[in-house]
């Protein structure tokens, strides 16, 4: 089962924040995600990502 959904904001293990644009499995069965950051796409393993905390804005 996938840990992240399309549109989730995630942090990579290198501190970069991006948006999940696609999820897929490798031929070996490992879960990968395509994460967009400033128009560039990174393809990262699931264990290298964590869900970014949501920031609540005052009304």
Protein backbone atom coordinates (compact mmCIF):
# COMPACT_ATOMS: atom_id res chain seq x y z
CA UNK A 1 0.00 0.00 0.00
CA UNK A 2 1.24 3.49 -0.85
CA UNK A 3 2.30 5.75 2.01
CA UNK A 4 1.68 9.01 0.11
CA UNK A 5 -1.09 10.20 -2.24
CA UNK A 6 -1.00 12.43 -5.29
CA UNK A 7 -0.83 16.07 -4.23
CA UNK A 8 0.75 15.38 -0.82
CA UNK A 9 3.51 17.78 0.22
CA UNK A 10 6.57 15.78 1.27
CA UNK A 11 10.11 16.37 2.51
CA UNK A 12 13.03 14.36 1.15
CA UNK A 13 15.88 13.07 3.29
CA UNK A 14 17.99 15.91 1.85
CA UNK A 15 15.61 18.56 3.19
CA UNK A 16 13.90 19.43 -0.07
CA UNK A 17 10.13 19.94 -0.08
CA UNK A 18 7.95 19.06 -3.03
CA UNK A 19 4.58 17.75 -4.22
CA UNK A 20 3.87 14.12 -5.12
CA UNK A 21 2.89 13.98 -8.81
CA UNK A 22 3.06 10.21 -9.47
CA UNK A 23 3.54 6.91 -7.65
CA UNK A 24 4.84 3.70 -9.19
CA UNK A 25 6.66 0.46 -8.37
CA UNK A 26 9.99 -0.63 -9.78
CA UNK A 27 10.40 -4.03 -11.40
CA UNK A 28 11.78 -5.25 -8.09
CA UNK A 29 8.59 -4.10 -6.31
CA UNK A 30 10.04 -1.06 -4.55
CA UNK A 31 7.67 1.94 -4.22
CA UNK A 32 8.85 5.17 -5.90
CA UNK A 33 7.36 8.66 -6.14
CA UNK A 34 7.80 11.44 -8.68
CA UNK A 35 8.11 14.62 -6.60
CA UNK A 36 7.91 18.09 -8.20
CA UNK A 37 10.01 20.95 -6.82
CA UNK A 38 10.10 24.28 -8.69
CA UNK A 39 9.12 22.61 -11.97
CA UNK A 40 11.74 19.84 -11.72
CA UNK A 41 10.83 16.20 -11.06
CA UNK A 42 12.81 13.95 -8.70
CA UNK A 43 12.17 10.20 -8.55
CA UNK A 44 12.62 9.06 -4.94
CA UNK A 45 12.18 5.86 -2.97
CA UNK A 46 9.38 5.81 -0.41
CA UNK A 47 11.77 5.42 2.54
CA UNK A 48 13.54 8.68 1.61
CA UNK A 49 10.35 10.75 2.02
CA UNK A 50 8.34 12.03 4.96
CA UNK A 51 5.05 13.90 5.04
CA UNK A 52 5.58 17.65 5.46
CA UNK A 53 3.77 19.14 8.46
CA UNK A 54 0.71 21.15 7.55
CA UNK A 55 0.90 24.81 8.43
CA UNK A 56 -2.31 26.33 9.71
CA UNK A 57 -2.73 29.93 8.63
CA UNK A 58 -4.63 32.44 10.73
CA UNK A 59 -7.88 33.68 9.22
